[in-house]
Amino acid sequence: MNQRELYTERIGAIYTHYSTSWNSTAALHPGITLDRAGTTAYKTKLTLDIDSTRTCARVSVRADVG
């Protein structure tokens, strides 16, 4: 089991209230490195326009970093 992402969830990095002070426009790197977990977390903001008449919506987000 890959527990690096579980660590990201456990510290709250997936929630909107998580501090984004590390993600400023002056930063050299757009993500925060979680040394303890051996992974990097990225955060972004987007608006979804989903038809309210649908009972189910599938959303896929892909980030190409590099």
PDB file of N, CA and C in Angstrom:
ATOM      1  N   MET A   1       0.832  -1.183   0.000  1.00  0.00           N
ATOM      2  CA  MET A   1       0.000   0.000   0.000  1.00  0.00           C
ATOM      3  C   MET A   1       0.882   1.254   0.000  1.00  0.00           C
ATOM      4  N   ASN A   2       0.521   2.215  -0.802  1.00  0.00           N
ATOM      5  CA  ASN A   2       1.262   3.463  -0.887  1.00  0.00           C
ATOM      6  C   ASN A   2       0.765   4.406   0.207  1.00  0.00           C
ATOM      7  N   GLN A   3       1.575   4.619   1.227  1.00  0.00           N
ATOM      8  CA  GLN A   3       1.130   5.422   2.363  1.00  0.00           C
ATOM      9  C   GLN A   3       1.549   6.884   2.269  1.00  0.00           C
ATOM     10  N   ARG A   4       2.279   7.254   1.225  1.00  0.00           N
ATOM     11  CA  ARG A   4       2.686   8.656   1.097  1.00  0.00           C
ATOM     12  C   ARG A   4       1.471   9.570   0.962  1.00  0.00           C
ATOM     13  N   GLU A   5       0.509   9.180   0.128  1.00  0.00           N
ATOM     14  CA  GLU A   5      -0.685   9.987  -0.047  1.00  0.00           C
ATOM     15  C   GLU A   5      -1.536   9.981   1.217  1.00  0.00           C
ATOM     16  N   LEU A   6      -1.522   8.885   1.958  1.00  0.00           N
ATOM     17  CA  LEU A   6      -2.255   8.832   3.222  1.00  0.00           C
ATOM     18  C   LEU A   6      -1.696   9.859   4.199  1.00  0.00           C
ATOM     19  N   TYR A   7      -0.388  10.063   4.187  1.00  0.00           N
ATOM     20  CA  TYR A   7       0.229  11.070   5.055  1.00  0.00           C
ATOM     21  C   TYR A   7      -0.261  12.463   4.659  1.00  0.00           C
ATOM     22  N   THR A   8      -0.343  12.718   3.371  1.00  0.00           N
ATOM     23  CA  THR A   8      -0.816  14.007   2.877  1.00  0.00           C
ATOM     24  C   THR A   8      -2.229  14.279   3.380  1.00  0.00           C
ATOM     25  N   GLU A   9      -3.072  13.262   3.364  1.00  0.00           N
ATOM     26  CA  GLU A   9      -4.430  13.409   3.890  1.00  0.00           C
ATOM     27  C   GLU A   9      -4.416  13.595   5.402  1.00  0.00           C
ATOM     28  N   ARG A  10      -3.592  12.828   6.095  1.00  0.00           N
ATOM     29  CA  ARG A  10      -3.569  12.867   7.555  1.00  0.00           C
ATOM     30  C   ARG A  10      -3.173  14.247   8.094  1.00  0.00           C
ATOM     31  N   ILE A  11      -2.250  14.930   7.421  1.00  0.00           N
ATOM     32  CA  ILE A  11      -1.843  16.256   7.901  1.00  0.00           C
ATOM     33  C   ILE A  11      -2.805  17.350   7.440  1.00  0.00           C
ATOM     34  N   GLY A  12      -3.789  16.989   6.626  1.00  0.00           N
ATOM     35  CA  GLY A  12      -4.815  17.944   6.211  1.00  0.00           C
ATOM     36  C   GLY A  12      -4.493  18.733   4.964  1.00  0.00           C
ATOM     37  N   ALA A  13      -3.481  18.351   4.209  1.00  0.00           N
ATOM     38  CA  ALA A  13      -3.080  19.102   3.017  1.00  0.00           C
ATOM     39  C   ALA A  13      -4.130  19.052   1.911  1.00  0.00           C
ATOM     40  N   ILE A  14      -5.109  18.179   2.025  1.00  0.00           N
ATOM     41  CA  ILE A  14      -6.138  18.066   0.992  1.00  0.00           C
ATOM     42  C   ILE A  14      -7.313  19.010   1.232  1.00  0.00           C
ATOM     43  N   TYR A  15      -7.339  19.677   2.377  1.00  0.00           N
ATOM     44  CA  TYR A  15      -8.467  20.539   2.718  1.00  0.00           C
ATOM     45  C   TYR A  15      -8.170  22.001   2.409  1.00  0.00           C
ATOM     46  N   THR A  16      -9.225  22.763   2.143  1.00  0.00           N
ATOM     47  CA  THR A  16      -9.062  24.164   1.744  1.00  0.00           C
ATOM     48  C   THR A  16      -8.459  25.028   2.839  1.00  0.00           C
ATOM     49  N   HIS A  17      -8.633  24.674   4.099  1.00  0.00           N
ATOM     50  CA  HIS A  17      -8.098  25.491   5.193  1.00  0.00           C
ATOM     51  C   HIS A  17      -6.613  25.243   5.447  1.00  0.00           C
ATOM     52  N   TYR A  18      -6.020  24.281   4.759  1.00  0.00           N
ATOM     53  CA  TYR A  18      -4.602  23.984   4.958  1.00  0.00           C
ATOM     54  C   TYR A  18      -3.771  25.182   4.513  1.00  0.00           C
ATOM     55  N   SER A  19      -2.769  25.540   5.286  1.00  0.00           N
ATOM     56  CA  SER A  19      -1.944  26.710   4.997  1.00  0.00           C
ATOM     57  C   SER A  19      -1.270  26.591   3.634  1.00  0.00           C
ATOM     58  N   THR A  20      -1.422  27.612   2.824  1.00  0.00           N
ATOM     59  CA  THR A  20      -0.779  27.633   1.510  1.00  0.00           C
ATOM     60  C   THR A  20       0.330  28.671   1.454  1.00  0.00           C
ATOM     61  N   SER A  21       0.840  29.069   2.598  1.00  0.00           N
ATOM     62  CA  SER A  21       1.889  30.086   2.617  1.00  0.00           C
ATOM     63  C   SER A  21       3.120  29.632   1.846  1.00  0.00           C
ATOM     64  N   TRP A  22       3.307  28.324   1.711  1.00  0.00           N
ATOM     65  CA  TRP A  22       4.431  27.780   0.958  1.00  0.00           C
ATOM     66  C   TRP A  22       4.222  27.915  -0.536  1.00  0.00           C
ATOM     67  N   ASN A  23       2.999  28.187  -0.968  1.00  0.00           N
ATOM     68  CA  ASN A  23       2.685  28.187  -2.388  1.00  0.00           C
ATOM     69  C   ASN A  23       2.483  29.607  -2.903  1.00  0.00           C
ATOM     70  N   SER A  24       3.478  30.452  -2.721  1.00  0.00           N
ATOM     71  CA  SER A  24       3.372  31.826  -3.198  1.00  0.00           C
ATOM     72  C   SER A  24       3.935  31.928  -4.609  1.00  0.00           C
ATOM     73  N   THR A  25       3.628  33.022  -5.286  1.00  0.00           N
ATOM     74  CA  THR A  25       4.130  33.203  -6.644  1.00  0.00           C
ATOM     75  C   THR A  25       5.637  33.409  -6.653  1.00  0.00           C
ATOM     76  N   ALA A  26       6.202  33.789  -5.522  1.00  0.00           N
ATOM     77  CA  ALA A  26       7.646  33.992  -5.435  1.00  0.00           C
ATOM     78  C   ALA A  26       8.393  32.692  -5.168  1.00  0.00           C
ATOM     79  N   ALA A  27       7.668  31.639  -4.869  1.00  0.00           N
ATOM     80  CA  ALA A  27       8.311  30.363  -4.551  1.00  0.00           C
ATOM     81  C   ALA A  27       9.009  29.796  -5.785  1.00  0.00           C
ATOM     82  N   LEU A  28      10.107  29.126  -5.560  1.00  0.00           N
ATOM     83  CA  LEU A  28      10.832  28.507  -6.663  1.00  0.00           C
ATOM     84  C   LEU A  28      10.183  27.202  -7.106  1.00  0.00           C
ATOM     85  N   HIS A  29       9.428  26.591  -6.237  1.00  0.00           N
ATOM     86  CA  HIS A  29       8.805  25.297  -6.509  1.00  0.00           C
ATOM     87  C   HIS A  29       7.319  25.396  -6.180  1.00  0.00           C
ATOM     88  N   PRO A  30       6.425  24.960  -7.066  1.00  0.00           N
ATOM     89  CA  PRO A  30       4.997  25.137  -6.836  1.00  0.00           C
ATOM     90  C   PRO A  30       4.393  24.195  -5.808  1.00  0.00           C
ATOM     91  N   GLY A  31       5.159  23.255  -5.313  1.00  0.00           N
ATOM     92  CA  GLY A  31       4.612  22.294  -4.361  1.00  0.00           C
ATOM     93  C   GLY A  31       5.352  22.314  -3.048  1.00  0.00           C
ATOM     94  N   ILE A  32       4.800  21.613  -2.092  1.00  0.00           N
ATOM     95  CA  ILE A  32       5.457  21.479  -0.801  1.00  0.00           C
ATOM     96  C   ILE A  32       5.987  20.058  -0.697  1.00  0.00           C
ATOM     97  N   THR A  33       7.241  19.934  -0.360  1.00  0.00           N
ATOM     98  CA  THR A  33       7.830  18.611  -0.209  1.00  0.00           C
ATOM     99  C   THR A  33       7.606  18.140   1.212  1.00  0.00           C
ATOM    100  N   LEU A  34       7.005  16.998   1.319  1.00  0.00           N
ATOM    101  CA  LEU A  34       6.735  16.401   2.619  1.00  0.00           C
ATOM    102  C   LEU A  34       7.811  15.357   2.860  1.00  0.00           C
ATOM    103  N   ASP A  35       8.946  15.822   3.405  1.00  0.00           N
ATOM    104  CA  ASP A  35      10.109  14.954   3.569  1.00  0.00           C
ATOM    105  C   ASP A  35       9.790  13.679   4.335  1.00  0.00           C
ATOM    106  N   ARG A  36       8.979  13.812   5.332  1.00  0.00           N
ATOM    107  CA  ARG A  36       8.661  12.653   6.155  1.00  0.00           C
ATOM    108  C   ARG A  36       7.943  11.576   5.347  1.00  0.00           C
ATOM    109  N   ALA A  37       7.175  11.982   4.363  1.00  0.00           N
ATOM    110  CA  ALA A  37       6.425  11.027   3.559  1.00  0.00           C
ATOM    111  C   ALA A  37       7.142  10.676   2.264  1.00  0.00           C
ATOM    112  N   GLY A  38       8.143  11.459   1.890  1.00  0.00           N
ATOM    113  CA  GLY A  38       8.844  11.209   0.636  1.00  0.00           C
ATOM    114  C   GLY A  38       8.004  11.525  -0.585  1.00  0.00           C
ATOM    115  N   THR A  39       7.172  12.535  -0.491  1.00  0.00           N
ATOM    116  CA  THR A  39       6.302  12.893  -1.605  1.00  0.00           C
ATOM    117  C   THR A  39       6.164  14.413  -1.676  1.00  0.00           C
ATOM    118  N   THR A  40       5.571  14.902  -2.742  1.00  0.00           N
ATOM    119  CA  THR A  40       5.323  16.325  -2.917  1.00  0.00           C
ATOM    120  C   THR A  40       3.834  16.536  -3.138  1.00  0.00           C
ATOM    121  N   ALA A  41       3.256  17.520  -2.477  1.00  0.00           N
ATOM    122  CA  ALA A  41       1.833  17.814  -2.621  1.00  0.00           C
ATOM    123  C   ALA A  41       1.669  19.122  -3.378  1.00  0.00           C
ATOM    124  N   TYR A  42       0.741  19.150  -4.305  1.00  0.00           N
ATOM    125  CA  TYR A  42       0.432  20.349  -5.072  1.00  0.00           C
ATOM    126  C   TYR A  42      -1.011  20.739  -4.790  1.00  0.00           C
ATOM    127  N   LYS A  43      -1.266  22.031  -4.766  1.00  0.00           N
ATOM    128  CA  LYS A  43      -2.615  22.503  -4.502  1.00  0.00           C
ATOM    129  C   LYS A  43      -2.977  23.540  -5.548  1.00  0.00           C
ATOM    130  N   THR A  44      -4.200  23.475  -6.028  1.00  0.00           N
ATOM    131  CA  THR A  44      -4.676  24.439  -7.005  1.00  0.00           C
ATOM    132  C   THR A  44      -6.131  24.745  -6.729  1.00  0.00           C
ATOM    133  N   LYS A  45      -6.636  25.744  -7.392  1.00  0.00           N
ATOM    134  CA  LYS A  45      -8.040  26.122  -7.244  1.00  0.00           C
ATOM    135  C   LYS A  45      -8.659  26.104  -8.633  1.00  0.00           C
ATOM    136  N   LEU A  46      -9.837  25.491  -8.740  1.00  0.00           N
ATOM    137  CA  LEU A  46     -10.522  25.480 -10.016  1.00  0.00           C
ATOM    138  C   LEU A  46     -12.020  25.546  -9.784  1.00  0.00           C
ATOM    139  N   THR A  47     -12.733  25.986 -10.806  1.00  0.00           N
ATOM    140  CA  THR A  47     -14.182  26.082 -10.747  1.00  0.00           C
ATOM    141  C   THR A  47     -14.765  25.041 -11.685  1.00  0.00           C
ATOM    142  N   LEU A  48     -15.717  24.282 -11.183  1.00  0.00           N
ATOM    143  CA  LEU A  48     -16.374  23.264 -11.989  1.00  0.00           C
ATOM    144  C   LEU A  48     -17.779  23.733 -12.343  1.00  0.00           C
ATOM    145  N   ASP A  49     -18.124  23.627 -13.614  1.00  0.00           N
ATOM    146  CA  ASP A  49     -19.464  23.973 -14.073  1.00  0.00           C
ATOM    147  C   ASP A  49     -20.166  22.663 -14.413  1.00  0.00           C
ATOM    148  N   ILE A  50     -20.900  22.123 -13.447  1.00  0.00           N
ATOM    149  CA  ILE A  50     -21.550  20.825 -13.620  1.00  0.00           C
ATOM    150  C   ILE A  50     -23.047  21.042 -13.758  1.00  0.00           C
ATOM    151  N   ASP A  51     -23.629  20.439 -14.768  1.00  0.00           N
ATOM    152  CA  ASP A  51     -25.058  20.533 -15.019  1.00  0.00           C
ATOM    153  C   ASP A  51     -25.831  19.989 -13.819  1.00  0.00           C
ATOM    154  N   SER A  52     -26.654  20.818 -13.206  1.00  0.00           N
ATOM    155  CA  SER A  52     -27.372  20.418 -11.988  1.00  0.00           C
ATOM    156  C   SER A  52     -28.464  19.394 -12.247  1.00  0.00           C
ATOM    157  N   THR A  53     -28.808  19.159 -13.512  1.00  0.00           N
ATOM    158  CA  THR A  53     -29.841  18.164 -13.810  1.00  0.00           C
ATOM    159  C   THR A  53     -29.279  16.751 -13.856  1.00  0.00           C
ATOM    160  N   ARG A  54     -27.985  16.641 -13.835  1.00  0.00           N
ATOM    161  CA  ARG A  54     -27.366  15.306 -13.865  1.00  0.00           C
ATOM    162  C   ARG A  54     -27.342  14.716 -12.464  1.00  0.00           C
ATOM    163  N   THR A  55     -27.550  13.424 -12.388  1.00  0.00           N
ATOM    164  CA  THR A  55     -27.519  12.759 -11.085  1.00  0.00           C
ATOM    165  C   THR A  55     -26.119  12.299 -10.728  1.00  0.00           C
ATOM    166  N   CYS A  56     -25.250  12.263 -11.710  1.00  0.00           N
ATOM    167  CA  CYS A  56     -23.889  11.797 -11.466  1.00  0.00           C
ATOM    168  C   CYS A  56     -22.938  12.582 -12.362  1.00  0.00           C
ATOM    169  N   ALA A  57     -21.821  12.957 -11.827  1.00  0.00           N
ATOM    170  CA  ALA A  57     -20.816  13.669 -12.613  1.00  0.00           C
ATOM    171  C   ALA A  57     -19.462  13.043 -12.358  1.00  0.00           C
ATOM    172  N   ARG A  58     -18.703  12.846 -13.404  1.00  0.00           N
ATOM    173  CA  ARG A  58     -17.353  12.306 -13.276  1.00  0.00           C
ATOM    174  C   ARG A  58     -16.373  13.425 -13.600  1.00  0.00           C
ATOM    175  N   VAL A  59     -15.442  13.620 -12.717  1.00  0.00           N
ATOM    176  CA  VAL A  59     -14.446  14.671 -12.893  1.00  0.00           C
ATOM    177  C   VAL A  59     -13.072  14.035 -12.870  1.00  0.00           C
ATOM    178  N   SER A  60     -12.262  14.385 -13.839  1.00  0.00           N
ATOM    179  CA  SER A  60     -10.895  13.886 -13.893  1.00  0.00           C
ATOM    180  C   SER A  60      -9.960  15.082 -14.002  1.00  0.00           C
ATOM    181  N   VAL A  61      -8.975  15.126 -13.144  1.00  0.00           N
ATOM    182  CA  VAL A  61      -8.003  16.218 -13.153  1.00  0.00           C
ATOM    183  C   VAL A  61      -6.625  15.616 -13.320  1.00  0.00           C
ATOM    184  N   ARG A  62      -5.874  16.145 -14.269  1.00  0.00           N
ATOM    185  CA  ARG A  62      -4.522  15.655 -14.503  1.00  0.00           C
ATOM    186  C   ARG A  62      -3.563  16.834 -14.444  1.00  0.00           C
ATOM    187  N   ALA A  63      -2.483  16.637 -13.746  1.00  0.00           N
ATOM    188  CA  ALA A  63      -1.469  17.684 -13.641  1.00  0.00           C
ATOM    189  C   ALA A  63      -0.160  17.156 -14.205  1.00  0.00           C
ATOM    190  N   ASP A  64       0.340  17.831 -15.220  1.00  0.00           N
ATOM    191  CA  ASP A  64       1.634  17.477 -15.784  1.00  0.00           C
ATOM    192  C   ASP A  64       2.671  18.416 -15.189  1.00  0.00           C
ATOM    193  N   VAL A  65       3.563  17.860 -14.419  1.00  0.00           N
ATOM    194  CA  VAL A  65       4.593  18.644 -13.746  1.00  0.00           C
ATOM    195  C   VAL A  65       5.928  18.306 -14.376  1.00  0.00           C
ATOM    196  N   GLY A  66       6.661  19.320 -14.690  1.00  0.00           N
ATOM    197  CA  GLY A  66       7.961  18.989 -15.209  1.00  0.00           C
ATOM    198  C   GLY A  66       8.470  20.016 -16.091  1.00  0.00           C
TER     199      GLY A  66
END
